[in-house]
């Protein structure tokens, strides 16, 4: 099921509200935000059908 732009933005906003400011505690949330942002922007590493393989996330 493909998420709409509004659903992705809502999920990103919800995750942003959960950030604590502690880099180690926030790592997993930041990764989820990164993945959703890439989906929202239609971005993936060049020559890759996997999301985030190129950037190491």
N, C-alpha and C. Protein backbone atom coordinates (compact mmCIF):
# COMPACT_ATOMS: atom_id res chain seq x y z
N UNK A 1 0.84 -1.18 0.00
CA UNK A 1 0.00 0.00 0.00
C UNK A 1 0.88 1.25 0.00
N UNK A 2 0.68 2.12 -0.95
CA UNK A 2 1.44 3.35 -1.09
C UNK A 2 0.82 4.44 -0.22
N UNK A 3 1.65 5.11 0.56
CA UNK A 3 1.17 6.17 1.43
C UNK A 3 1.07 7.47 0.64
N UNK A 4 0.09 8.32 1.01
CA UNK A 4 -0.05 9.61 0.35
C UNK A 4 0.96 10.59 0.93
N UNK A 5 1.15 11.70 0.23
CA UNK A 5 2.07 12.74 0.69
C UNK A 5 1.66 13.22 2.09
N UNK A 6 0.36 13.41 2.29
CA UNK A 6 -0.13 13.89 3.59
C UNK A 6 0.14 12.87 4.71
N UNK A 7 -0.01 11.58 4.40
CA UNK A 7 0.25 10.55 5.40
C UNK A 7 1.74 10.52 5.77
N UNK A 8 2.60 10.64 4.77
CA UNK A 8 4.04 10.66 5.03
C UNK A 8 4.42 11.88 5.87
N UNK A 9 3.89 13.05 5.51
CA UNK A 9 4.19 14.27 6.27
C UNK A 9 3.68 14.16 7.70
N UNK A 10 2.53 13.55 7.89
CA UNK A 10 1.97 13.36 9.22
C UNK A 10 2.85 12.44 10.06
N UNK A 11 3.31 11.35 9.47
CA UNK A 11 4.20 10.42 10.18
C UNK A 11 5.51 11.09 10.55
N UNK A 12 6.06 11.90 9.63
CA UNK A 12 7.31 12.61 9.91
C UNK A 12 7.11 13.59 11.06
N UNK A 13 6.01 14.33 11.05
CA UNK A 13 5.72 15.29 12.13
C UNK A 13 5.57 14.57 13.46
N UNK A 14 4.89 13.44 13.45
CA UNK A 14 4.71 12.67 14.68
C UNK A 14 6.05 12.19 15.23
N UNK A 15 6.91 11.68 14.34
CA UNK A 15 8.23 11.22 14.77
C UNK A 15 9.08 12.38 15.28
N UNK A 16 9.00 13.53 14.61
CA UNK A 16 9.77 14.70 15.05
C UNK A 16 9.37 15.12 16.46
N UNK A 17 8.10 14.95 16.80
CA UNK A 17 7.62 15.32 18.14
C UNK A 17 8.15 14.38 19.21
N UNK A 18 8.63 13.20 18.81
CA UNK A 18 9.16 12.22 19.76
C UNK A 18 10.65 12.37 20.03
N UNK A 19 11.32 13.25 19.28
CA UNK A 19 12.76 13.43 19.45
C UNK A 19 13.06 14.02 20.83
N UNK A 20 14.10 13.51 21.47
CA UNK A 20 14.44 13.92 22.83
C UNK A 20 15.63 14.88 22.88
N UNK A 21 16.43 14.92 21.83
CA UNK A 21 17.65 15.72 21.85
C UNK A 21 18.88 14.89 22.21
N UNK A 22 18.66 13.66 22.65
CA UNK A 22 19.75 12.73 22.95
C UNK A 22 20.06 11.95 21.68
N UNK A 23 21.24 12.19 21.12
CA UNK A 23 21.60 11.60 19.83
C UNK A 23 21.41 10.08 19.81
N UNK A 24 21.85 9.42 20.86
CA UNK A 24 21.78 7.95 20.88
C UNK A 24 20.35 7.46 21.03
N UNK A 25 19.56 8.14 21.84
CA UNK A 25 18.16 7.75 22.02
C UNK A 25 17.35 8.03 20.75
N UNK A 26 17.73 9.07 20.02
CA UNK A 26 16.98 9.50 18.84
C UNK A 26 17.40 8.81 17.55
N UNK A 27 18.46 8.00 17.59
CA UNK A 27 19.01 7.42 16.35
C UNK A 27 17.96 6.66 15.54
N UNK A 28 17.20 5.80 16.18
CA UNK A 28 16.20 5.00 15.46
C UNK A 28 15.09 5.89 14.88
N UNK A 29 14.66 6.88 15.65
CA UNK A 29 13.62 7.80 15.17
C UNK A 29 14.13 8.59 13.98
N UNK A 30 15.37 9.09 14.08
CA UNK A 30 15.96 9.86 12.97
C UNK A 30 16.06 9.00 11.71
N UNK A 31 16.38 7.72 11.87
CA UNK A 31 16.46 6.81 10.73
C UNK A 31 15.09 6.66 10.08
N UNK A 32 14.05 6.52 10.89
CA UNK A 32 12.69 6.41 10.36
C UNK A 32 12.29 7.68 9.63
N UNK A 33 12.64 8.85 10.21
CA UNK A 33 12.34 10.13 9.57
C UNK A 33 13.07 10.22 8.23
N UNK A 34 14.33 9.81 8.21
CA UNK A 34 15.13 9.83 6.98
C UNK A 34 14.48 8.96 5.89
N UNK A 35 14.07 7.76 6.26
CA UNK A 35 13.45 6.86 5.29
C UNK A 35 12.13 7.42 4.76
N UNK A 36 11.32 7.99 5.63
CA UNK A 36 10.04 8.58 5.20
C UNK A 36 10.28 9.80 4.32
N UNK A 37 11.28 10.61 4.65
CA UNK A 37 11.60 11.79 3.85
C UNK A 37 12.06 11.38 2.46
N UNK A 38 12.84 10.31 2.39
CA UNK A 38 13.28 9.83 1.08
C UNK A 38 12.08 9.36 0.25
N UNK A 39 11.13 8.67 0.88
CA UNK A 39 9.92 8.24 0.17
C UNK A 39 9.12 9.45 -0.28
N UNK A 40 9.00 10.45 0.60
CA UNK A 40 8.24 11.66 0.29
C UNK A 40 8.84 12.38 -0.91
N UNK A 41 10.16 12.44 -0.97
CA UNK A 41 10.85 13.15 -2.05
C UNK A 41 11.14 12.27 -3.26
N UNK A 42 10.80 10.99 -3.18
CA UNK A 42 11.05 10.08 -4.29
C UNK A 42 12.52 9.84 -4.54
N UNK A 43 13.31 9.84 -3.48
CA UNK A 43 14.76 9.71 -3.59
C UNK A 43 15.20 8.32 -3.16
N UNK A 44 16.14 7.77 -3.88
CA UNK A 44 16.83 6.55 -3.46
C UNK A 44 18.21 6.59 -4.08
N UNK A 45 19.14 5.86 -3.53
CA UNK A 45 20.50 5.89 -4.07
C UNK A 45 20.53 5.52 -5.55
N UNK A 46 21.42 6.16 -6.29
CA UNK A 46 21.55 5.87 -7.72
C UNK A 46 21.90 4.40 -7.94
N UNK A 47 21.39 3.83 -9.01
CA UNK A 47 21.67 2.45 -9.39
C UNK A 47 21.30 1.45 -8.30
N UNK A 48 20.28 1.76 -7.53
CA UNK A 48 19.88 0.88 -6.45
C UNK A 48 18.37 0.76 -6.41
N UNK A 49 17.89 -0.47 -6.27
CA UNK A 49 16.45 -0.65 -6.08
C UNK A 49 16.14 -0.79 -4.60
N UNK A 50 17.17 -0.76 -3.75
CA UNK A 50 16.99 -0.79 -2.30
C UNK A 50 17.07 0.62 -1.75
N UNK A 51 16.18 0.96 -0.81
CA UNK A 51 16.25 2.25 -0.17
C UNK A 51 17.42 2.28 0.81
N UNK A 52 18.19 3.33 0.79
CA UNK A 52 19.24 3.64 1.77
C UNK A 52 20.46 2.73 1.72
N UNK A 53 20.60 1.86 0.77
CA UNK A 53 21.81 1.04 0.71
C UNK A 53 23.01 1.95 0.41
N UNK A 54 22.82 2.91 -0.48
CA UNK A 54 23.92 3.77 -0.89
C UNK A 54 24.41 4.70 0.19
N UNK A 55 23.51 5.14 1.08
CA UNK A 55 23.94 6.11 2.10
C UNK A 55 24.29 5.43 3.41
N UNK A 56 24.06 4.16 3.55
CA UNK A 56 24.46 3.43 4.74
C UNK A 56 23.49 3.46 5.89
N UNK A 57 22.34 4.07 5.71
CA UNK A 57 21.34 4.13 6.80
C UNK A 57 20.62 2.81 6.93
